Amino acid sequence: MSPISDSTDAYARTRFPLHGRVLIRGEWPFLLNFAEGPFNKELVQALGQLLAVHVPALQAKGPWVLLAVIGYSTLATDEALSTFTGLLRQLVVSGMAPRAVAHVTAPEVEGSGLMDEAMARCFDVAGIPFAGFREEAPARNWLESQLAGD
């Protein structure tokens, strides 16, 4: 598998502009996701296209986890959250979901703490283990413990 390095910029094929940006980078068994909000539905749709290109190669190697570092803003529209929940459900149904997801949001990021419950609900509905953190090291430790459950 070649290294993963891509972003939602290449998948912006909607009438409305993307609000937010997601850059992904693969570090097996981690998929790193650097996201800057605020986020709209169109960004989530672009994220779905981005993941559809790269997740099959990850899944072929075995269980993987996603570490998302959220910057600038955590805010998302209700429409974006609904679309995101649908995307997560599709990943589960297709067998392409990560083993677990951790979000890292530093306290200085706009809306830090405000979206935690909404994001947790998205992952809960889809059935994907999720945890939010303020620092990266504990997030990585938690994700590694999720992989160790094999």
Protein backbone atom coordinates (compact mmCIF):
# COMPACT_ATOMS: atom_id res chain seq x y z
CA MET A 1 0.00 0.00 0.00
CA SER A 2 1.39 3.36 -0.92
CA PRO A 3 1.42 6.07 1.74
CA ILE A 4 -1.82 7.98 2.12
CA SER A 5 -1.77 11.76 1.85
CA ASP A 6 -4.87 13.44 0.47
CA SER A 7 -7.48 16.06 1.34
CA THR A 8 -11.09 16.97 0.75
CA ASP A 9 -9.88 19.77 -1.57
CA ALA A 10 -9.73 17.29 -4.45
CA TYR A 11 -13.32 16.14 -3.86
CA ALA A 12 -15.12 19.50 -3.84
CA ARG A 13 -17.63 18.76 -6.59
CA THR A 14 -20.74 20.43 -5.25
CA ARG A 15 -22.64 23.54 -6.16
CA PHE A 16 -21.95 24.98 -2.73
CA PRO A 17 -18.44 25.55 -1.38
CA LEU A 18 -17.01 23.31 1.29
CA HIS A 19 -16.90 24.81 4.75
CA GLY A 20 -13.98 23.20 6.45
CA ARG A 21 -11.13 21.02 5.27
CA VAL A 22 -9.87 17.54 6.06
CA LEU A 23 -6.36 16.29 5.29
CA ILE A 24 -5.66 12.59 5.82
CA ARG A 25 -2.36 10.83 6.22
CA GLY A 26 -1.78 7.12 6.75
CA GLU A 27 0.50 5.81 9.49
CA TRP A 28 -0.57 2.19 9.72
CA PRO A 29 -2.62 1.18 11.71
CA PHE A 30 -3.59 4.83 12.18
CA LEU A 31 -5.36 7.02 9.69
CA LEU A 32 -4.59 10.56 10.78
CA ASN A 33 -7.23 13.14 10.02
CA PHE A 34 -6.42 16.83 10.37
CA ALA A 35 -9.72 18.69 10.23
CA GLU A 36 -10.45 22.41 10.36
CA GLY A 37 -14.02 23.60 10.76
CA PRO A 38 -16.58 24.91 10.82
CA PHE A 39 -18.08 22.05 8.82
CA ASN A 40 -21.00 21.86 6.42
CA LYS A 41 -22.79 18.99 4.64
CA GLU A 42 -20.73 19.49 1.48
CA LEU A 43 -17.50 18.96 3.42
CA VAL A 44 -18.88 15.71 4.87
CA GLN A 45 -19.83 14.55 1.37
CA ALA A 46 -16.29 15.29 0.15
CA LEU A 47 -14.93 13.40 3.16
CA GLY A 48 -17.04 10.41 2.18
CA GLN A 49 -15.54 10.46 -1.32
CA LEU A 50 -12.04 10.82 0.11
CA LEU A 51 -12.53 7.86 2.44
CA ALA A 52 -14.04 5.72 -0.32
CA VAL A 53 -10.77 6.08 -2.24
CA HIS A 54 -8.42 5.27 0.66
CA VAL A 55 -10.19 3.07 3.21
CA PRO A 56 -10.31 -0.17 1.15
CA ALA A 57 -6.50 -0.37 1.17
CA LEU A 58 -6.45 0.22 4.92
CA GLN A 59 -9.16 -2.35 5.57
CA ALA A 60 -7.31 -4.92 3.46
CA LYS A 61 -4.39 -4.76 5.89
CA GLY A 62 -6.60 -5.46 8.91
CA PRO A 63 -8.12 -3.48 11.78
CA TRP A 64 -7.26 0.22 11.76
CA VAL A 65 -8.12 3.27 13.84
CA LEU A 66 -8.70 6.93 13.08
CA LEU A 67 -7.13 9.79 15.00
CA ALA A 68 -8.68 13.16 14.16
CA VAL A 69 -7.00 16.37 15.27
CA ILE A 70 -9.54 19.18 15.08
CA GLY A 71 -8.28 22.72 14.48
CA TYR A 72 -9.66 26.23 14.15
CA SER A 73 -13.31 25.34 14.87
CA THR A 74 -15.31 22.29 15.91
CA LEU A 75 -18.65 23.76 14.90
CA ALA A 76 -20.85 21.86 12.45
CA THR A 77 -24.34 22.44 11.12
CA ASP A 78 -27.15 20.03 12.02
CA GLU A 79 -27.22 19.02 8.35
CA ALA A 80 -23.49 18.22 8.49
CA LEU A 81 -23.96 16.10 11.62
CA SER A 82 -26.85 14.18 10.05
CA THR A 83 -24.83 13.57 6.88
CA PHE A 84 -21.84 12.52 8.98
CA THR A 85 -23.94 9.98 10.89
CA GLY A 86 -25.08 8.55 7.56
CA LEU A 87 -21.49 8.34 6.34
CA LEU A 88 -20.46 6.48 9.50
CA ARG A 89 -23.35 4.03 9.12
CA GLN A 90 -22.32 3.38 5.50
CA LEU A 91 -18.78 2.59 6.63
CA VAL A 92 -20.10 0.09 9.18
CA VAL A 93 -22.51 -1.60 6.75
CA SER A 94 -19.81 -1.90 4.08
CA GLY A 95 -17.31 -3.36 6.56
CA MET A 96 -14.99 -0.38 6.07
CA ALA A 97 -15.34 1.28 9.49
CA PRO A 98 -12.35 1.93 11.71
CA ARG A 99 -12.03 -0.15 14.87
CA ALA A 100 -12.29 3.08 16.90
CA VAL A 101 -12.07 6.86 16.49
CA ALA A 102 -10.50 9.46 18.75
CA HIS A 103 -10.86 13.21 18.33
CA VAL A 104 -8.30 15.61 19.77
CA THR A 105 -9.54 19.14 20.27
CA ALA A 106 -7.33 21.60 22.14
CA PRO A 107 -9.11 23.99 24.51
CA GLU A 108 -8.25 27.03 22.35
CA VAL A 109 -10.13 25.65 19.30
CA GLU A 110 -13.41 27.49 18.65
CA GLY A 111 -16.31 25.53 20.11
CA SER A 112 -14.04 23.16 22.02
CA GLY A 113 -16.33 21.11 24.22
CA LEU A 114 -19.51 22.35 22.54
CA MET A 115 -19.63 19.65 19.87
CA ASP A 116 -18.35 16.74 21.99
CA GLU A 117 -21.79 15.34 22.79
CA ALA A 118 -23.07 15.74 19.23
CA MET A 119 -20.03 13.97 17.78
CA ALA A 120 -20.24 11.17 20.33
CA ARG A 121 -23.90 10.68 19.36
CA CYS A 122 -22.95 10.33 15.66
CA PHE A 123 -20.49 7.54 16.45
CA ASP A 124 -22.82 5.90 18.98
CA VAL A 125 -25.64 5.70 16.44
CA ALA A 126 -23.25 4.09 13.94
CA GLY A 127 -21.82 1.69 16.53
CA ILE A 128 -18.20 2.87 16.30
CA PRO A 129 -16.25 3.27 19.57
CA PHE A 130 -15.40 6.95 20.05
CA ALA A 131 -13.63 9.11 22.60
CA GLY A 132 -12.71 12.78 22.73
CA PHE A 133 -9.44 14.10 24.13
CA ARG A 134 -7.69 17.43 24.64
CA GLU A 135 -4.19 16.05 23.91
CA GLU A 136 -2.85 13.61 21.33
CA ALA A 137 -0.83 11.23 23.52
CA PRO A 138 -3.81 9.94 25.57
CA ALA A 139 -5.84 9.64 22.34
CA ARG A 140 -3.15 7.46 20.74
CA ASN A 141 -2.94 5.33 23.89
CA TRP A 142 -6.70 4.80 23.90
CA LEU A 143 -6.71 3.86 20.20
CA GLU A 144 -3.86 1.40 20.72
CA SER A 145 -5.86 -0.20 23.55
CA GLN A 146 -8.82 -0.56 21.17
CA LEU A 147 -6.61 -2.40 18.68
CA ALA A 148 -5.14 -4.59 21.43
CA GLY A 149 -8.60 -6.07 22.00
CA ASP A 150 -8.03 -8.44 19.06
